[in-house]
Amino acid sequence: MNTLMLQDILGDPEWADLLTPADRRGLTPLFWSHVRPYGEVKLNMTSRLPLSTS
């Protein structure tokens, strides 16, 4: 969902007043689902992990 579109809708009092606190909490993952709490993880797909087979 485009955040600008959501801001436009929530900026309109007619629509914003329809949302309950639970509805607003439901919007949170739209803005925070892309955040990596442990930083960026870079994978080296050209080498293998040194795992033993024994």
PDB file of N, CA and C in Angstrom:
ATOM      1  N   MET A   1       0.847  -1.175   0.000  1.00  0.00           N
ATOM      2  CA  MET A   1       0.000   0.000   0.000  1.00  0.00           C
ATOM      3  C   MET A   1       0.891   1.236   0.000  1.00  0.00           C
ATOM      4  N   ASN A   2       0.531   2.158  -0.777  1.00  0.00           N
ATOM      5  CA  ASN A   2       1.274   3.397  -0.882  1.00  0.00           C
ATOM      6  C   ASN A   2       1.037   4.235   0.373  1.00  0.00           C
ATOM      7  N   THR A   3       2.107   4.599   1.077  1.00  0.00           N
ATOM      8  CA  THR A   3       1.958   5.352   2.330  1.00  0.00           C
ATOM      9  C   THR A   3       1.393   6.739   2.088  1.00  0.00           C
ATOM     10  N   LEU A   4       1.678   7.342   0.937  1.00  0.00           N
ATOM     11  CA  LEU A   4       1.113   8.657   0.659  1.00  0.00           C
ATOM     12  C   LEU A   4      -0.395   8.577   0.522  1.00  0.00           C
ATOM     13  N   MET A   5      -0.872   7.520  -0.117  1.00  0.00           N
ATOM     14  CA  MET A   5      -2.300   7.343  -0.254  1.00  0.00           C
ATOM     15  C   MET A   5      -2.934   7.166   1.127  1.00  0.00           C
ATOM     16  N   LEU A   6      -2.293   6.395   1.975  1.00  0.00           N
ATOM     17  CA  LEU A   6      -2.800   6.179   3.328  1.00  0.00           C
ATOM     18  C   LEU A   6      -2.805   7.475   4.120  1.00  0.00           C
ATOM     19  N   GLN A   7      -1.765   8.293   3.962  1.00  0.00           N
ATOM     20  CA  GLN A   7      -1.721   9.584   4.644  1.00  0.00           C
ATOM     21  C   GLN A   7      -2.861  10.481   4.173  1.00  0.00           C
ATOM     22  N   ASP A   8      -3.152  10.448   2.885  1.00  0.00           N
ATOM     23  CA  ASP A   8      -4.257  11.251   2.360  1.00  0.00           C
ATOM     24  C   ASP A   8      -5.583  10.821   2.968  1.00  0.00           C
ATOM     25  N   ILE A   9      -5.785   9.518   3.062  1.00  0.00           N
ATOM     26  CA  ILE A   9      -7.044   9.007   3.610  1.00  0.00           C
ATOM     27  C   ILE A   9      -7.160   9.346   5.094  1.00  0.00           C
ATOM     28  N   LEU A  10      -6.081   9.123   5.842  1.00  0.00           N
ATOM     29  CA  LEU A  10      -6.131   9.399   7.277  1.00  0.00           C
ATOM     30  C   LEU A  10      -6.152  10.896   7.564  1.00  0.00           C
ATOM     31  N   GLY A  11      -5.731  11.709   6.623  1.00  0.00           N
ATOM     32  CA  GLY A  11      -5.788  13.158   6.793  1.00  0.00           C
ATOM     33  C   GLY A  11      -7.187  13.716   6.636  1.00  0.00           C
ATOM     34  N   ASP A  12      -8.073  12.942   6.035  1.00  0.00           N
ATOM     35  CA  ASP A  12      -9.469  13.353   5.870  1.00  0.00           C
ATOM     36  C   ASP A  12     -10.225  12.975   7.140  1.00  0.00           C
ATOM     37  N   PRO A  13     -10.730  13.952   7.897  1.00  0.00           N
ATOM     38  CA  PRO A  13     -11.400  13.657   9.174  1.00  0.00           C
ATOM     39  C   PRO A  13     -12.559  12.660   9.047  1.00  0.00           C
ATOM     40  N   GLU A  14     -13.231  12.676   7.910  1.00  0.00           N
ATOM     41  CA  GLU A  14     -14.355  11.753   7.724  1.00  0.00           C
ATOM     42  C   GLU A  14     -13.897  10.297   7.809  1.00  0.00           C
ATOM     43  N   TRP A  15     -12.749   9.992   7.201  1.00  0.00           N
ATOM     44  CA  TRP A  15     -12.216   8.634   7.231  1.00  0.00           C
ATOM     45  C   TRP A  15     -11.458   8.354   8.520  1.00  0.00           C
ATOM     46  N   ALA A  16     -10.683   9.312   8.975  1.00  0.00           N
ATOM     47  CA  ALA A  16      -9.862   9.107  10.167  1.00  0.00           C
ATOM     48  C   ALA A  16     -10.722   8.828  11.394  1.00  0.00           C
ATOM     49  N   ASP A  17     -11.884   9.454  11.465  1.00  0.00           N
ATOM     50  CA  ASP A  17     -12.767   9.251  12.623  1.00  0.00           C
ATOM     51  C   ASP A  17     -13.418   7.873  12.631  1.00  0.00           C
ATOM     52  N   LEU A  18     -13.395   7.185  11.501  1.00  0.00           N
ATOM     53  CA  LEU A  18     -13.990   5.850  11.428  1.00  0.00           C
ATOM     54  C   LEU A  18     -13.097   4.772  12.041  1.00  0.00           C
ATOM     55  N   LEU A  19     -11.800   5.046  12.135  1.00  0.00           N
ATOM     56  CA  LEU A  19     -10.859   4.042  12.629  1.00  0.00           C
ATOM     57  C   LEU A  19     -10.848   3.995  14.159  1.00  0.00           C
ATOM     58  N   THR A  20     -10.901   2.791  14.668  1.00  0.00           N
ATOM     59  CA  THR A  20     -10.782   2.583  16.117  1.00  0.00           C
ATOM     60  C   THR A  20      -9.293   2.451  16.453  1.00  0.00           C
ATOM     61  N   PRO A  21      -8.939   2.497  17.747  1.00  0.00           N
ATOM     62  CA  PRO A  21      -7.533   2.265  18.108  1.00  0.00           C
ATOM     63  C   PRO A  21      -7.009   0.914  17.598  1.00  0.00           C
ATOM     64  N   ALA A  22      -7.856  -0.102  17.619  1.00  0.00           N
ATOM     65  CA  ALA A  22      -7.441  -1.417  17.111  1.00  0.00           C
ATOM     66  C   ALA A  22      -7.163  -1.356  15.608  1.00  0.00           C
ATOM     67  N   ASP A  23      -7.964  -0.588  14.879  1.00  0.00           N
ATOM     68  CA  ASP A  23      -7.725  -0.419  13.445  1.00  0.00           C
ATOM     69  C   ASP A  23      -6.384   0.250  13.198  1.00  0.00           C
ATOM     70  N   ARG A  24      -6.072   1.257  13.977  1.00  0.00           N
ATOM     71  CA  ARG A  24      -4.801   1.969  13.812  1.00  0.00           C
ATOM     72  C   ARG A  24      -3.614   1.065  14.151  1.00  0.00           C
ATOM     73  N   ARG A  25      -3.767   0.226  15.163  1.00  0.00           N
ATOM     74  CA  ARG A  25      -2.693  -0.728  15.488  1.00  0.00           C
ATOM     75  C   ARG A  25      -2.486  -1.713  14.345  1.00  0.00           C
ATOM     76  N   GLY A  26      -3.542  -2.051  13.650  1.00  0.00           N
ATOM     77  CA  GLY A  26      -3.451  -2.963  12.518  1.00  0.00           C
ATOM     78  C   GLY A  26      -2.677  -2.381  11.349  1.00  0.00           C
ATOM     79  N   LEU A  27      -2.561  -1.056  11.294  1.00  0.00           N
ATOM     80  CA  LEU A  27      -1.808  -0.406  10.222  1.00  0.00           C
ATOM     81  C   LEU A  27      -0.305  -0.437  10.471  1.00  0.00           C
ATOM     82  N   THR A  28       0.110  -0.631  11.711  1.00  0.00           N
ATOM     83  CA  THR A  28       1.524  -0.581  12.079  1.00  0.00           C
ATOM     84  C   THR A  28       2.408  -1.496  11.237  1.00  0.00           C
ATOM     85  N   PRO A  29       2.033  -2.762  10.994  1.00  0.00           N
ATOM     86  CA  PRO A  29       2.908  -3.628  10.189  1.00  0.00           C
ATOM     87  C   PRO A  29       3.159  -3.104   8.772  1.00  0.00           C
ATOM     88  N   LEU A  30       2.255  -2.290   8.250  1.00  0.00           N
ATOM     89  CA  LEU A  30       2.473  -1.735   6.913  1.00  0.00           C
ATOM     90  C   LEU A  30       3.708  -0.854   6.862  1.00  0.00           C
ATOM     91  N   PHE A  31       4.027  -0.223   7.987  1.00  0.00           N
ATOM     92  CA  PHE A  31       5.145   0.709   8.011  1.00  0.00           C
ATOM     93  C   PHE A  31       6.413   0.090   8.588  1.00  0.00           C
ATOM     94  N   TRP A  32       6.291  -0.970   9.369  1.00  0.00           N
ATOM     95  CA  TRP A  32       7.448  -1.525  10.061  1.00  0.00           C
ATOM     96  C   TRP A  32       7.835  -2.924   9.605  1.00  0.00           C
ATOM     97  N   SER A  33       7.121  -3.532   8.674  1.00  0.00           N
ATOM     98  CA  SER A  33       7.440  -4.896   8.260  1.00  0.00           C
ATOM     99  C   SER A  33       8.752  -4.978   7.481  1.00  0.00           C
ATOM    100  N   HIS A  34       9.234  -3.868   6.936  1.00  0.00           N
ATOM    101  CA  HIS A  34      10.473  -3.870   6.155  1.00  0.00           C
ATOM    102  C   HIS A  34      11.709  -3.628   7.024  1.00  0.00           C
ATOM    103  N   VAL A  35      11.535  -3.341   8.317  1.00  0.00           N
ATOM    104  CA  VAL A  35      12.656  -3.009   9.199  1.00  0.00           C
ATOM    105  C   VAL A  35      13.331  -4.288   9.676  1.00  0.00           C
ATOM    106  N   ARG A  36      14.654  -4.321   9.572  1.00  0.00           N
ATOM    107  CA  ARG A  36      15.433  -5.450  10.070  1.00  0.00           C
ATOM    108  C   ARG A  36      16.043  -5.040  11.402  1.00  0.00           C
ATOM    109  N   PRO A  37      15.561  -5.602  12.512  1.00  0.00           N
ATOM    110  CA  PRO A  37      16.043  -5.152  13.826  1.00  0.00           C
ATOM    111  C   PRO A  37      17.512  -5.464  14.081  1.00  0.00           C
ATOM    112  N   TYR A  38      18.113  -6.368  13.325  1.00  0.00           N
ATOM    113  CA  TYR A  38      19.501  -6.749  13.563  1.00  0.00           C
ATOM    114  C   TYR A  38      20.436  -6.211  12.486  1.00  0.00           C
ATOM    115  N   GLY A  39      20.006  -5.221  11.756  1.00  0.00           N
ATOM    116  CA  GLY A  39      20.848  -4.647  10.715  1.00  0.00           C
ATOM    117  C   GLY A  39      20.747  -5.416   9.416  1.00  0.00           C
ATOM    118  N   GLU A  40      21.592  -5.062   8.505  1.00  0.00           N
ATOM    119  CA  GLU A  40      21.584  -5.689   7.190  1.00  0.00           C
ATOM    120  C   GLU A  40      22.337  -7.012   7.232  1.00  0.00           C
ATOM    121  N   VAL A  41      21.755  -8.017   6.616  1.00  0.00           N
ATOM    122  CA  VAL A  41      22.379  -9.330   6.554  1.00  0.00           C
ATOM    123  C   VAL A  41      22.813  -9.565   5.110  1.00  0.00           C
ATOM    124  N   LYS A  42      24.113  -9.725   4.915  1.00  0.00           N
ATOM    125  CA  LYS A  42      24.640  -9.973   3.571  1.00  0.00           C
ATOM    126  C   LYS A  42      25.007 -11.452   3.450  1.00  0.00           C
ATOM    127  N   LEU A  43      24.512 -12.076   2.421  1.00  0.00           N
ATOM    128  CA  LEU A  43      24.794 -13.485   2.171  1.00  0.00           C
ATOM    129  C   LEU A  43      25.806 -13.614   1.049  1.00  0.00           C
ATOM    130  N   ASN A  44      26.808 -14.449   1.267  1.00  0.00           N
ATOM    131  CA  ASN A  44      27.783 -14.750   0.228  1.00  0.00           C
ATOM    132  C   ASN A  44      27.356 -16.065  -0.418  1.00  0.00           C
ATOM    133  N   MET A  45      26.748 -15.966  -1.557  1.00  0.00           N
ATOM    134  CA  MET A  45      26.224 -17.145  -2.238  1.00  0.00           C
ATOM    135  C   MET A  45      27.265 -17.838  -3.102  1.00  0.00           C
ATOM    136  N   THR A  46      28.528 -17.343  -3.078  1.00  0.00           N
ATOM    137  CA  THR A  46      29.567 -17.955  -3.904  1.00  0.00           C
ATOM    138  C   THR A  46      30.448 -18.910  -3.093  1.00  0.00           C
ATOM    139  N   SER A  47      30.260 -18.965  -1.786  1.00  0.00           N
ATOM    140  CA  SER A  47      31.074 -19.890  -0.968  1.00  0.00           C
ATOM    141  C   SER A  47      30.160 -20.717  -0.076  1.00  0.00           C
ATOM    142  N   ARG A  48      30.680 -21.844   0.363  1.00  0.00           N
ATOM    143  CA  ARG A  48      29.911 -22.752   1.199  1.00  0.00           C
ATOM    144  C   ARG A  48      30.349 -22.628   2.650  1.00  0.00           C
ATOM    145  N   LEU A  49      29.452 -22.946   3.557  1.00  0.00           N
ATOM    146  CA  LEU A  49      29.813 -22.972   4.981  1.00  0.00           C
ATOM    147  C   LEU A  49      30.689 -24.183   5.262  1.00  0.00           C
ATOM    148  N   PRO A  50      31.689 -24.052   6.136  1.00  0.00           N
ATOM    149  CA  PRO A  50      32.574 -25.186   6.451  1.00  0.00           C
ATOM    150  C   PRO A  50      31.911 -26.146   7.445  1.00  0.00           C
ATOM    151  N   LEU A  51      30.933 -26.922   6.990  1.00  0.00           N
ATOM    152  CA  LEU A  51      30.249 -27.878   7.843  1.00  0.00           C
ATOM    153  C   LEU A  51      30.925 -29.247   7.728  1.00  0.00           C
ATOM    154  N   SER A  52      31.086 -29.903   8.846  1.00  0.00           N
ATOM    155  CA  SER A  52      31.687 -31.249   8.786  1.00  0.00           C
ATOM    156  C   SER A  52      30.592 -32.279   8.556  1.00  0.00           C
ATOM    157  N   THR A  53      30.935 -33.375   7.927  1.00  0.00           N
ATOM    158  CA  THR A  53      29.955 -34.427   7.637  1.00  0.00           C
ATOM    159  C   THR A  53      30.010 -35.548   8.654  1.00  0.00           C
ATOM    160  N   SER A  54      30.825 -35.439   9.682  1.00  0.00           N
ATOM    161  CA  SER A  54      30.940 -36.524  10.656  1.00  0.00           C
ATOM    162  C   SER A  54      29.985 -36.380  11.810  1.00  0.00           C
TER     163      SER A  54
END
